[in-house]
């Protein structure tokens, strides 16, 4: 593991009350997961091509728009699991573009971070 990742993992820890929302961004897709680090368990995961998000993302023209919509859908699914407070882990990416758009969509959907 790289030093940068180790430093980040020391500071950002998800608990049962506030799970960690991890965002992974590739050139084509955006993946998001809710992780409970105390139990070392993934509570929920979603990406652009998941069944839940596929139909809603058809109308989006850019990857940034898709990220925003995906953030809203992710927040709705998290609410169904009764999760409203999270810790945001941008996974080393700069907070702009698709990562910021996803975070803004998740906030609009009702997640608190």
PDB file of N, CA and C in Angstrom:
ATOM      1  N   UNK A   1       0.837  -1.174   0.000  1.00  0.00           N
ATOM      2  CA  UNK A   1       0.000   0.000   0.000  1.00  0.00           C
ATOM      3  C   UNK A   1       0.886   1.242   0.000  1.00  0.00           C
ATOM      4  N   UNK A   2       0.491   2.233  -0.758  1.00  0.00           N
ATOM      5  CA  UNK A   2       1.265   3.458  -0.857  1.00  0.00           C
ATOM      6  C   UNK A   2       1.161   4.274   0.433  1.00  0.00           C
ATOM      7  N   UNK A   3       2.184   5.069   0.688  1.00  0.00           N
ATOM      8  CA  UNK A   3       2.203   5.884   1.893  1.00  0.00           C
ATOM      9  C   UNK A   3       1.011   6.838   1.955  1.00  0.00           C
ATOM     10  N   UNK A   4       0.656   7.374   0.796  1.00  0.00           N
ATOM     11  CA  UNK A   4      -0.441   8.328   0.723  1.00  0.00           C
ATOM     12  C   UNK A   4      -1.758   7.685   1.174  1.00  0.00           C
ATOM     13  N   UNK A   5      -1.994   6.462   0.753  1.00  0.00           N
ATOM     14  CA  UNK A   5      -3.220   5.751   1.117  1.00  0.00           C
ATOM     15  C   UNK A   5      -3.232   5.433   2.602  1.00  0.00           C
ATOM     16  N   UNK A   6      -2.088   5.029   3.152  1.00  0.00           N
ATOM     17  CA  UNK A   6      -2.009   4.720   4.579  1.00  0.00           C
ATOM     18  C   UNK A   6      -2.323   5.945   5.429  1.00  0.00           C
ATOM     19  N   UNK A   7      -1.787   7.101   5.030  1.00  0.00           N
ATOM     20  CA  UNK A   7      -2.051   8.339   5.759  1.00  0.00           C
ATOM     21  C   UNK A   7      -3.537   8.673   5.733  1.00  0.00           C
ATOM     22  N   UNK A   8      -4.153   8.510   4.571  1.00  0.00           N
ATOM     23  CA  UNK A   8      -5.567   8.827   4.429  1.00  0.00           C
ATOM     24  C   UNK A   8      -6.431   7.895   5.284  1.00  0.00           C
ATOM     25  N   UNK A   9      -6.091   6.607   5.296  1.00  0.00           N
ATOM     26  CA  UNK A   9      -6.897   5.633   6.034  1.00  0.00           C
ATOM     27  C   UNK A   9      -6.824   5.844   7.541  1.00  0.00           C
ATOM     28  N   UNK A  10      -5.751   6.469   8.038  1.00  0.00           N
ATOM     29  CA  UNK A  10      -5.657   6.771   9.465  1.00  0.00           C
ATOM     30  C   UNK A  10      -6.688   7.820   9.871  1.00  0.00           C
ATOM     31  N   UNK A  11      -6.934   8.783   8.984  1.00  0.00           N
ATOM     32  CA  UNK A  11      -7.785   9.919   9.316  1.00  0.00           C
ATOM     33  C   UNK A  11      -9.263   9.655   9.046  1.00  0.00           C
ATOM     34  N   UNK A  12      -9.575   8.950   7.977  1.00  0.00           N
ATOM     35  CA  UNK A  12     -10.968   8.756   7.569  1.00  0.00           C
ATOM     36  C   UNK A  12     -11.394   7.333   7.904  1.00  0.00           C
ATOM     37  N   UNK A  13     -12.237   7.211   8.918  1.00  0.00           N
ATOM     38  CA  UNK A  13     -12.684   5.897   9.375  1.00  0.00           C
ATOM     39  C   UNK A  13     -14.200   5.910   9.489  1.00  0.00           C
ATOM     40  N   UNK A  14     -14.835   4.897   8.923  1.00  0.00           N
ATOM     41  CA  UNK A  14     -16.278   4.781   9.020  1.00  0.00           C
ATOM     42  C   UNK A  14     -16.664   3.928  10.214  1.00  0.00           C
ATOM     43  N   UNK A  15     -17.740   4.299  10.872  1.00  0.00           N
ATOM     44  CA  UNK A  15     -18.247   3.536  12.007  1.00  0.00           C
ATOM     45  C   UNK A  15     -19.651   3.038  11.669  1.00  0.00           C
ATOM     46  N   UNK A  16     -20.257   2.352  12.611  1.00  0.00           N
ATOM     47  CA  UNK A  16     -21.617   1.868  12.392  1.00  0.00           C
ATOM     48  C   UNK A  16     -22.593   3.040  12.297  1.00  0.00           C
ATOM     49  N   UNK A  17     -22.381   4.097  13.103  1.00  0.00           N
ATOM     50  CA  UNK A  17     -23.252   5.267  13.071  1.00  0.00           C
ATOM     51  C   UNK A  17     -22.993   6.135  11.840  1.00  0.00           C
ATOM     52  N   UNK A  18     -21.724   6.263  11.471  1.00  0.00           N
ATOM     53  CA  UNK A  18     -21.334   7.076  10.312  1.00  0.00           C
ATOM     54  C   UNK A  18     -20.435   6.259   9.395  1.00  0.00           C
ATOM     55  N   UNK A  19     -21.019   5.500   8.467  1.00  0.00           N
ATOM     56  CA  UNK A  19     -20.184   4.714   7.557  1.00  0.00           C
ATOM     57  C   UNK A  19     -19.418   5.612   6.578  1.00  0.00           C
ATOM     58  N   UNK A  20     -18.386   5.052   6.000  1.00  0.00           N
ATOM     59  CA  UNK A  20     -17.522   5.780   5.077  1.00  0.00           C
ATOM     60  C   UNK A  20     -18.051   5.598   3.654  1.00  0.00           C
ATOM     61  N   UNK A  21     -18.248   6.696   2.951  1.00  0.00           N
ATOM     62  CA  UNK A  21     -18.663   6.675   1.549  1.00  0.00           C
ATOM     63  C   UNK A  21     -17.414   6.810   0.691  1.00  0.00           C
ATOM     64  N   UNK A  22     -17.030   5.722   0.038  1.00  0.00           N
ATOM     65  CA  UNK A  22     -15.819   5.687  -0.778  1.00  0.00           C
ATOM     66  C   UNK A  22     -16.209   5.868  -2.236  1.00  0.00           C
ATOM     67  N   UNK A  23     -15.511   6.759  -2.927  1.00  0.00           N
ATOM     68  CA  UNK A  23     -15.771   7.015  -4.341  1.00  0.00           C
ATOM     69  C   UNK A  23     -14.553   6.574  -5.136  1.00  0.00           C
ATOM     70  N   UNK A  24     -14.794   5.768  -6.179  1.00  0.00           N
ATOM     71  CA  UNK A  24     -13.728   5.394  -7.111  1.00  0.00           C
ATOM     72  C   UNK A  24     -14.130   5.902  -8.486  1.00  0.00           C
ATOM     73  N   UNK A  25     -13.208   6.592  -9.131  1.00  0.00           N
ATOM     74  CA  UNK A  25     -13.477   7.190 -10.427  1.00  0.00           C
ATOM     75  C   UNK A  25     -12.528   6.610 -11.453  1.00  0.00           C
ATOM     76  N   UNK A  26     -13.083   6.014 -12.501  1.00  0.00           N
ATOM     77  CA  UNK A  26     -12.252   5.586 -13.618  1.00  0.00           C
ATOM     78  C   UNK A  26     -12.516   6.557 -14.767  1.00  0.00           C
ATOM     79  N   UNK A  27     -11.904   6.321 -15.916  1.00  0.00           N
ATOM     80  CA  UNK A  27     -12.123   7.218 -17.042  1.00  0.00           C
ATOM     81  C   UNK A  27     -13.564   7.174 -17.540  1.00  0.00           C
ATOM     82  N   UNK A  28     -14.213   6.022 -17.381  1.00  0.00           N
ATOM     83  CA  UNK A  28     -15.567   5.845 -17.898  1.00  0.00           C
ATOM     84  C   UNK A  28     -16.650   5.857 -16.828  1.00  0.00           C
ATOM     85  N   UNK A  29     -16.379   5.274 -15.677  1.00  0.00           N
ATOM     86  CA  UNK A  29     -17.414   5.030 -14.679  1.00  0.00           C
ATOM     87  C   UNK A  29     -17.078   5.654 -13.331  1.00  0.00           C
ATOM     88  N   UNK A  30     -18.092   5.655 -12.465  1.00  0.00           N
ATOM     89  CA  UNK A  30     -17.939   6.115 -11.096  1.00  0.00           C
ATOM     90  C   UNK A  30     -18.550   5.049 -10.195  1.00  0.00           C
ATOM     91  N   UNK A  31     -17.797   4.596  -9.212  1.00  0.00           N
ATOM     92  CA  UNK A  31     -18.257   3.586  -8.266  1.00  0.00           C
ATOM     93  C   UNK A  31     -18.345   4.234  -6.889  1.00  0.00           C
ATOM     94  N   UNK A  32     -19.321   3.812  -6.095  1.00  0.00           N
ATOM     95  CA  UNK A  32     -19.465   4.324  -4.736  1.00  0.00           C
ATOM     96  C   UNK A  32     -19.872   3.185  -3.812  1.00  0.00           C
ATOM     97  N   UNK A  33     -19.315   3.181  -2.607  1.00  0.00           N
ATOM     98  CA  UNK A  33     -19.630   2.156  -1.617  1.00  0.00           C
ATOM     99  C   UNK A  33     -19.750   2.780  -0.236  1.00  0.00           C
ATOM    100  N   UNK A  34     -20.645   2.230   0.565  1.00  0.00           N
ATOM    101  CA  UNK A  34     -20.718   2.570   1.982  1.00  0.00           C
ATOM    102  C   UNK A  34     -20.028   1.460   2.755  1.00  0.00           C
ATOM    103  N   UNK A  35     -19.027   1.817   3.552  1.00  0.00           N
ATOM    104  CA  UNK A  35     -18.213   0.833   4.260  1.00  0.00           C
ATOM    105  C   UNK A  35     -18.257   1.104   5.758  1.00  0.00           C
ATOM    106  N   UNK A  36     -18.499   0.037   6.525  1.00  0.00           N
ATOM    107  CA  UNK A  36     -18.414   0.095   7.983  1.00  0.00           C
ATOM    108  C   UNK A  36     -17.064  -0.495   8.362  1.00  0.00           C
ATOM    109  N   UNK A  37     -16.104   0.360   8.712  1.00  0.00           N
ATOM    110  CA  UNK A  37     -14.746  -0.092   8.997  1.00  0.00           C
ATOM    111  C   UNK A  37     -14.635  -0.857  10.308  1.00  0.00           C
ATOM    112  N   UNK A  38     -15.532  -0.598  11.249  1.00  0.00           N
ATOM    113  CA  UNK A  38     -15.454  -1.307  12.524  1.00  0.00           C
ATOM    114  C   UNK A  38     -15.787  -2.789  12.349  1.00  0.00           C
ATOM    115  N   UNK A  39     -16.708  -3.098  11.448  1.00  0.00           N
ATOM    116  CA  UNK A  39     -17.057  -4.500  11.166  1.00  0.00           C
ATOM    117  C   UNK A  39     -16.377  -5.021   9.896  1.00  0.00           C
ATOM    118  N   UNK A  40     -15.666  -4.149   9.198  1.00  0.00           N
ATOM    119  CA  UNK A  40     -15.015  -4.463   7.929  1.00  0.00           C
ATOM    120  C   UNK A  40     -16.014  -5.066   6.953  1.00  0.00           C
ATOM    121  N   UNK A  41     -17.093  -4.303   6.712  1.00  0.00           N
ATOM    122  CA  UNK A  41     -18.187  -4.792   5.887  1.00  0.00           C
ATOM    123  C   UNK A  41     -18.662  -3.690   4.944  1.00  0.00           C
ATOM    124  N   UNK A  42     -18.961  -4.072   3.699  1.00  0.00           N
ATOM    125  CA  UNK A  42     -19.544  -3.151   2.737  1.00  0.00           C
ATOM    126  C   UNK A  42     -21.059  -3.204   2.915  1.00  0.00           C
ATOM    127  N   UNK A  43     -21.655  -2.062   3.233  1.00  0.00           N
ATOM    128  CA  UNK A  43     -23.089  -2.014   3.478  1.00  0.00           C
ATOM    129  C   UNK A  43     -23.896  -1.875   2.191  1.00  0.00           C
ATOM    130  N   UNK A  44     -23.329  -1.146   1.226  1.00  0.00           N
ATOM    131  CA  UNK A  44     -24.039  -0.891  -0.017  1.00  0.00           C
ATOM    132  C   UNK A  44     -23.055  -0.436  -1.068  1.00  0.00           C
ATOM    133  N   UNK A  45     -23.301  -0.766  -2.306  1.00  0.00           N
ATOM    134  CA  UNK A  45     -22.452  -0.331  -3.392  1.00  0.00           C
ATOM    135  C   UNK A  45     -23.277  -0.016  -4.618  1.00  0.00           C
ATOM    136  N   UNK A  46     -22.749   0.878  -5.469  1.00  0.00           N
ATOM    137  CA  UNK A  46     -23.461   1.256  -6.685  1.00  0.00           C
ATOM    138  C   UNK A  46     -22.459   1.820  -7.683  1.00  0.00           C
ATOM    139  N   UNK A  47     -22.762   1.638  -8.980  1.00  0.00           N
ATOM    140  CA  UNK A  47     -21.976   2.293 -10.005  1.00  0.00           C
ATOM    141  C   UNK A  47     -22.868   2.619 -11.191  1.00  0.00           C
ATOM    142  N   UNK A  48     -22.315   3.284 -12.191  1.00  0.00           N
ATOM    143  CA  UNK A  48     -23.099   3.804 -13.310  1.00  0.00           C
ATOM    144  C   UNK A  48     -23.975   2.757 -13.992  1.00  0.00           C
ATOM    145  N   UNK A  49     -23.500   1.546 -14.103  1.00  0.00           N
ATOM    146  CA  UNK A  49     -24.212   0.520 -14.862  1.00  0.00           C
ATOM    147  C   UNK A  49     -25.070  -0.398 -13.997  1.00  0.00           C
ATOM    148  N   UNK A  50     -25.267  -0.075 -12.724  1.00  0.00           N
ATOM    149  CA  UNK A  50     -26.109  -0.903 -11.863  1.00  0.00           C
ATOM    150  C   UNK A  50     -27.568  -0.774 -12.307  1.00  0.00           C
ATOM    151  N   UNK A  51     -28.362  -1.786 -12.019  1.00  0.00           N
ATOM    152  CA  UNK A  51     -29.755  -1.833 -12.469  1.00  0.00           C
ATOM    153  C   UNK A  51     -30.567  -0.652 -11.969  1.00  0.00           C
ATOM    154  N   UNK A  52     -30.303  -0.250 -10.741  1.00  0.00           N
ATOM    155  CA  UNK A  52     -31.068   0.840 -10.127  1.00  0.00           C
ATOM    156  C   UNK A  52     -30.817   2.163 -10.859  1.00  0.00           C
ATOM    157  N   UNK A  53     -29.585   2.400 -11.256  1.00  0.00           N
ATOM    158  CA  UNK A  53     -29.210   3.696 -11.820  1.00  0.00           C
ATOM    159  C   UNK A  53     -29.305   3.758 -13.336  1.00  0.00           C
ATOM    160  N   UNK A  54     -29.310   2.634 -13.996  1.00  0.00           N
ATOM    161  CA  UNK A  54     -29.211   2.607 -15.457  1.00  0.00           C
ATOM    162  C   UNK A  54     -30.281   3.444 -16.152  1.00  0.00           C
ATOM    163  N   UNK A  55     -31.539   3.282 -15.767  1.00  0.00           N
ATOM    164  CA  UNK A  55     -32.624   3.998 -16.442  1.00  0.00           C
ATOM    165  C   UNK A  55     -32.584   5.501 -16.172  1.00  0.00           C
ATOM    166  N   UNK A  56     -32.236   5.881 -14.970  1.00  0.00           N
ATOM    167  CA  UNK A  56     -32.187   7.301 -14.625  1.00  0.00           C
ATOM    168  C   UNK A  56     -31.043   8.024 -15.333  1.00  0.00           C
ATOM    169  N   UNK A  57     -29.983   7.299 -15.646  1.00  0.00           N
ATOM    170  CA  UNK A  57     -28.801   7.919 -16.256  1.00  0.00           C
ATOM    171  C   UNK A  57     -28.879   8.004 -17.781  1.00  0.00           C
ATOM    172  N   UNK A  58     -29.926   7.464 -18.381  1.00  0.00           N
ATOM    173  CA  UNK A  58     -30.036   7.494 -19.851  1.00  0.00           C
ATOM    174  C   UNK A  58     -30.121   8.908 -20.401  1.00  0.00           C
ATOM    175  N   UNK A  59     -30.771   9.803 -19.677  1.00  0.00           N
ATOM    176  CA  UNK A  59     -30.980  11.168 -20.165  1.00  0.00           C
ATOM    177  C   UNK A  59     -29.761  12.062 -19.993  1.00  0.00           C
ATOM    178  N   UNK A  60     -28.831  11.695 -19.135  1.00  0.00           N
ATOM    179  CA  UNK A  60     -27.655  12.536 -18.868  1.00  0.00           C
ATOM    180  C   UNK A  60     -26.720  12.525 -20.067  1.00  0.00           C
ATOM    181  N   UNK A  61     -26.184  13.699 -20.376  1.00  0.00           N
ATOM    182  CA  UNK A  61     -25.322  13.825 -21.552  1.00  0.00           C
ATOM    183  C   UNK A  61     -23.837  13.749 -21.215  1.00  0.00           C
ATOM    184  N   UNK A  62     -23.460  14.245 -20.044  1.00  0.00           N
ATOM    185  CA  UNK A  62     -22.044  14.246 -19.680  1.00  0.00           C
ATOM    186  C   UNK A  62     -21.812  13.348 -18.467  1.00  0.00           C
ATOM    187  N   UNK A  63     -20.554  13.011 -18.251  1.00  0.00           N
ATOM    188  CA  UNK A  63     -20.201  12.176 -17.099  1.00  0.00           C
ATOM    189  C   UNK A  63     -20.455  12.914 -15.792  1.00  0.00           C
ATOM    190  N   UNK A  64     -20.317  14.231 -15.804  1.00  0.00           N
ATOM    191  CA  UNK A  64     -20.559  15.020 -14.610  1.00  0.00           C
ATOM    192  C   UNK A  64     -22.044  14.995 -14.234  1.00  0.00           C
ATOM    193  N   UNK A  65     -22.915  15.089 -15.237  1.00  0.00           N
ATOM    194  CA  UNK A  65     -24.352  14.992 -14.981  1.00  0.00           C
ATOM    195  C   UNK A  65     -24.709  13.613 -14.445  1.00  0.00           C
ATOM    196  N   UNK A  66     -24.106  12.582 -15.013  1.00  0.00           N
ATOM    197  CA  UNK A  66     -24.351  11.218 -14.539  1.00  0.00           C
ATOM    198  C   UNK A  66     -23.936  11.081 -13.076  1.00  0.00           C
ATOM    199  N   UNK A  67     -22.811  11.672 -12.727  1.00  0.00           N
ATOM    200  CA  UNK A  67     -22.325  11.600 -11.348  1.00  0.00           C
ATOM    201  C   UNK A  67     -23.297  12.255 -10.379  1.00  0.00           C
ATOM    202  N   UNK A  68     -23.851  13.396 -10.790  1.00  0.00           N
ATOM    203  CA  UNK A  68     -24.795  14.110  -9.935  1.00  0.00           C
ATOM    204  C   UNK A  68     -26.057  13.270  -9.706  1.00  0.00           C
ATOM    205  N   UNK A  69     -26.584  12.697 -10.768  1.00  0.00           N
ATOM    206  CA  UNK A  69     -27.783  11.863 -10.665  1.00  0.00           C
ATOM    207  C   UNK A  69     -27.490  10.619  -9.838  1.00  0.00           C
ATOM    208  N   UNK A  70     -26.318  10.022 -10.051  1.00  0.00           N
ATOM    209  CA  UNK A  70     -25.928   8.836  -9.301  1.00  0.00           C
ATOM    210  C   UNK A  70     -25.832   9.145  -7.808  1.00  0.00           C
ATOM    211  N   UNK A  71     -25.357  10.338  -7.471  1.00  0.00           N
ATOM    212  CA  UNK A  71     -25.287  10.752  -6.076  1.00  0.00           C
ATOM    213  C   UNK A  71     -26.665  10.826  -5.429  1.00  0.00           C
ATOM    214  N   UNK A  72     -27.645  11.356  -6.168  1.00  0.00           N
ATOM    215  CA  UNK A  72     -29.012  11.429  -5.644  1.00  0.00           C
ATOM    216  C   UNK A  72     -29.586  10.035  -5.433  1.00  0.00           C
ATOM    217  N   UNK A  73     -29.394   9.153  -6.407  1.00  0.00           N
ATOM    218  CA  UNK A  73     -29.917   7.789  -6.316  1.00  0.00           C
ATOM    219  C   UNK A  73     -29.240   7.048  -5.167  1.00  0.00           C
ATOM    220  N   UNK A  74     -27.937   7.257  -5.018  1.00  0.00           N
ATOM    221  CA  UNK A  74     -27.192   6.625  -3.937  1.00  0.00           C
ATOM    222  C   UNK A  74     -27.734   7.053  -2.580  1.00  0.00           C
ATOM    223  N   UNK A  75     -28.030   8.343  -2.444  1.00  0.00           N
ATOM    224  CA  UNK A  75     -28.563   8.861  -1.180  1.00  0.00           C
ATOM    225  C   UNK A  75     -29.936   8.252  -0.878  1.00  0.00           C
ATOM    226  N   UNK A  76     -30.765   8.101  -1.903  1.00  0.00           N
ATOM    227  CA  UNK A  76     -32.083   7.486  -1.701  1.00  0.00           C
ATOM    228  C   UNK A  76     -31.947   6.051  -1.202  1.00  0.00           C
ATOM    229  N   UNK A  77     -31.019   5.301  -1.787  1.00  0.00           N
ATOM    230  CA  UNK A  77     -30.812   3.914  -1.377  1.00  0.00           C
ATOM    231  C   UNK A  77     -30.247   3.840   0.042  1.00  0.00           C
ATOM    232  N   UNK A  78     -29.384   4.781   0.388  1.00  0.00           N
ATOM    233  CA  UNK A  78     -28.817   4.812   1.740  1.00  0.00           C
ATOM    234  C   UNK A  78     -29.902   5.138   2.765  1.00  0.00           C
ATOM    235  N   UNK A  79     -30.838   6.016   2.397  1.00  0.00           N
ATOM    236  CA  UNK A  79     -31.942   6.340   3.301  1.00  0.00           C
ATOM    237  C   UNK A  79     -32.798   5.116   3.588  1.00  0.00           C
ATOM    238  N   UNK A  80     -32.946   4.249   2.578  1.00  0.00           N
ATOM    239  CA  UNK A  80     -33.715   3.022   2.782  1.00  0.00           C
ATOM    240  C   UNK A  80     -33.051   2.121   3.817  1.00  0.00           C
ATOM    241  N   UNK A  81     -31.722   2.212   3.925  1.00  0.00           N
ATOM    242  CA  UNK A  81     -30.982   1.471   4.948  1.00  0.00           C
ATOM    243  C   UNK A  81     -30.900   2.248   6.266  1.00  0.00           C
ATOM    244  N   UNK A  82     -31.611   3.378   6.325  1.00  0.00           N
ATOM    245  CA  UNK A  82     -31.647   4.260   7.494  1.00  0.00           C
ATOM    246  C   UNK A  82     -30.288   4.861   7.817  1.00  0.00           C
ATOM    247  N   UNK A  83     -29.568   5.224   6.753  1.00  0.00           N
ATOM    248  CA  UNK A  83     -28.264   5.881   6.909  1.00  0.00           C
ATOM    249  C   UNK A  83     -28.396   7.302   6.368  1.00  0.00           C
ATOM    250  N   UNK A  84     -28.140   8.289   7.220  1.00  0.00           N
ATOM    251  CA  UNK A  84     -28.198   9.680   6.782  1.00  0.00           C
ATOM    252  C   UNK A  84     -26.883  10.413   7.008  1.00  0.00           C
ATOM    253  N   UNK A  85     -26.104   9.990   7.999  1.00  0.00           N
ATOM    254  CA  UNK A  85     -24.826  10.635   8.288  1.00  0.00           C
ATOM    255  C   UNK A  85     -23.697   9.728   7.831  1.00  0.00           C
ATOM    256  N   UNK A  86     -22.760  10.309   7.074  1.00  0.00           N
ATOM    257  CA  UNK A  86     -21.642   9.533   6.534  1.00  0.00           C
ATOM    258  C   UNK A  86     -20.344  10.320   6.665  1.00  0.00           C
ATOM    259  N   UNK A  87     -19.246   9.641   6.385  1.00  0.00           N
ATOM    260  CA  UNK A  87     -17.930  10.258   6.266  1.00  0.00           C
ATOM    261  C   UNK A  87     -17.533  10.098   4.809  1.00  0.00           C
ATOM    262  N   UNK A  88     -17.185  11.185   4.133  1.00  0.00           N
ATOM    263  CA  UNK A  88     -16.888  11.145   2.699  1.00  0.00           C
ATOM    264  C   UNK A  88     -15.413  10.872   2.473  1.00  0.00           C
ATOM    265  N   UNK A  89     -15.110   9.821   1.725  1.00  0.00           N
ATOM    266  CA  UNK A  89     -13.737   9.455   1.365  1.00  0.00           C
ATOM    267  C   UNK A  89     -13.596   9.617  -0.143  1.00  0.00           C
ATOM    268  N   UNK A  90     -12.889  10.655  -0.560  1.00  0.00           N
ATOM    269  CA  UNK A  90     -12.741  10.918  -1.986  1.00  0.00           C
ATOM    270  C   UNK A  90     -11.665  10.054  -2.625  1.00  0.00           C
ATOM    271  N   UNK A  91     -11.039   9.194  -1.831  1.00  0.00           N
ATOM    272  CA  UNK A  91     -10.111   8.176  -2.319  1.00  0.00           C
ATOM    273  C   UNK A  91      -8.883   8.767  -3.011  1.00  0.00           C
ATOM    274  N   UNK A  92      -8.450   9.942  -2.559  1.00  0.00           N
ATOM    275  CA  UNK A  92      -7.251  10.555  -3.110  1.00  0.00           C
ATOM    276  C   UNK A  92      -7.494  11.438  -4.320  1.00  0.00           C
ATOM    277  N   UNK A  93      -8.720  11.468  -4.838  1.00  0.00           N
ATOM    278  CA  UNK A  93      -9.031  12.314  -5.993  1.00  0.00           C
ATOM    279  C   UNK A  93      -9.249  13.744  -5.529  1.00  0.00           C
ATOM    280  N   UNK A  94      -8.964  14.695  -6.403  1.00  0.00           N
ATOM    281  CA  UNK A  94      -9.233  16.092  -6.088  1.00  0.00           C
ATOM    282  C   UNK A  94     -10.739  16.305  -6.004  1.00  0.00           C
ATOM    283  N   UNK A  95     -11.140  17.212  -5.137  1.00  0.00           N
ATOM    284  CA  UNK A  95     -12.566  17.467  -4.938  1.00  0.00           C
ATOM    285  C   UNK A  95     -13.049  18.472  -5.980  1.00  0.00           C
ATOM    286  N   UNK A  96     -13.224  18.005  -7.201  1.00  0.00           N
ATOM    287  CA  UNK A  96     -13.807  18.812  -8.267  1.00  0.00           C
ATOM    288  C   UNK A  96     -14.285  17.863  -9.355  1.00  0.00           C
ATOM    289  N   UNK A  97     -15.004  18.391 -10.307  1.00  0.00           N
ATOM    290  CA  UNK A  97     -15.476  17.560 -11.414  1.00  0.00           C
ATOM    291  C   UNK A  97     -16.500  16.533 -10.979  1.00  0.00           C
ATOM    292  N   UNK A  98     -16.273  15.280 -11.378  1.00  0.00           N
ATOM    293  CA  UNK A  98     -17.247  14.219 -11.117  1.00  0.00           C
ATOM    294  C   UNK A  98     -17.357  13.868  -9.638  1.00  0.00           C
ATOM    295  N   UNK A  99     -16.260  13.944  -8.910  1.00  0.00           N
ATOM    296  CA  UNK A  99     -16.301  13.633  -7.470  1.00  0.00           C
ATOM    297  C   UNK A  99     -17.129  14.685  -6.734  1.00  0.00           C
ATOM    298  N   UNK A 100     -16.929  15.944  -7.040  1.00  0.00           N
ATOM    299  CA  UNK A 100     -17.707  17.022  -6.417  1.00  0.00           C
ATOM    300  C   UNK A 100     -19.168  16.927  -6.828  1.00  0.00           C
ATOM    301  N   UNK A 101     -19.426  16.615  -8.080  1.00  0.00           N
ATOM    302  CA  UNK A 101     -20.791  16.494  -8.568  1.00  0.00           C
ATOM    303  C   UNK A 101     -21.528  15.359  -7.859  1.00  0.00           C
ATOM    304  N   UNK A 102     -20.840  14.230  -7.649  1.00  0.00           N
ATOM    305  CA  UNK A 102     -21.432  13.109  -6.923  1.00  0.00           C
ATOM    306  C   UNK A 102     -21.753  13.517  -5.487  1.00  0.00           C
ATOM    307  N   UNK A 103     -20.813  14.201  -4.842  1.00  0.00           N
ATOM    308  CA  UNK A 103     -21.015  14.632  -3.452  1.00  0.00           C
ATOM    309  C   UNK A 103     -22.190  15.609  -3.350  1.00  0.00           C
ATOM    310  N   UNK A 104     -22.294  16.533  -4.300  1.00  0.00           N
ATOM    311  CA  UNK A 104     -23.404  17.485  -4.284  1.00  0.00           C
ATOM    312  C   UNK A 104     -24.741  16.769  -4.477  1.00  0.00           C
ATOM    313  N   UNK A 105     -24.769  15.790  -5.374  1.00  0.00           N
ATOM    314  CA  UNK A 105     -25.990  15.013  -5.580  1.00  0.00           C
ATOM    315  C   UNK A 105     -26.376  14.222  -4.346  1.00  0.00           C
ATOM    316  N   UNK A 106     -25.389  13.665  -3.655  1.00  0.00           N
ATOM    317  CA  UNK A 106     -25.660  12.909  -2.427  1.00  0.00           C
ATOM    318  C   UNK A 106     -26.187  13.833  -1.334  1.00  0.00           C
ATOM    319  N   UNK A 107     -25.657  15.048  -1.267  1.00  0.00           N
ATOM    320  CA  UNK A 107     -26.162  16.017  -0.282  1.00  0.00           C
ATOM    321  C   UNK A 107     -27.597  16.405  -0.596  1.00  0.00           C
ATOM    322  N   UNK A 108     -27.887  16.625  -1.886  1.00  0.00           N
ATOM    323  CA  UNK A 108     -29.257  16.950  -2.278  1.00  0.00           C
ATOM    324  C   UNK A 108     -30.209  15.812  -1.971  1.00  0.00           C
ATOM    325  N   UNK A 109     -29.712  14.593  -2.077  1.00  0.00           N
ATOM    326  CA  UNK A 109     -30.528  13.427  -1.785  1.00  0.00           C
ATOM    327  C   UNK A 109     -30.799  13.229  -0.303  1.00  0.00           C
ATOM    328  N   UNK A 110     -30.053  13.921   0.550  1.00  0.00           N
ATOM    329  CA  UNK A 110     -30.336  13.854   1.986  1.00  0.00           C
ATOM    330  C   UNK A 110     -29.222  13.318   2.849  1.00  0.00           C
ATOM    331  N   UNK A 111     -28.052  13.020   2.296  1.00  0.00           N
ATOM    332  CA  UNK A 111     -26.952  12.556   3.128  1.00  0.00           C
ATOM    333  C   UNK A 111     -26.257  13.750   3.774  1.00  0.00           C
ATOM    334  N   UNK A 112     -25.815  13.565   5.002  1.00  0.00           N
ATOM    335  CA  UNK A 112     -25.181  14.621   5.771  1.00  0.00           C
ATOM    336  C   UNK A 112     -23.713  14.287   5.975  1.00  0.00           C
ATOM    337  N   UNK A 113     -22.822  15.115   5.412  1.00  0.00           N
ATOM    338  CA  UNK A 113     -21.385  14.950   5.623  1.00  0.00           C
ATOM    339  C   UNK A 113     -20.660  16.246   5.456  1.00  0.00           C
TER     340      UNK A 113
END
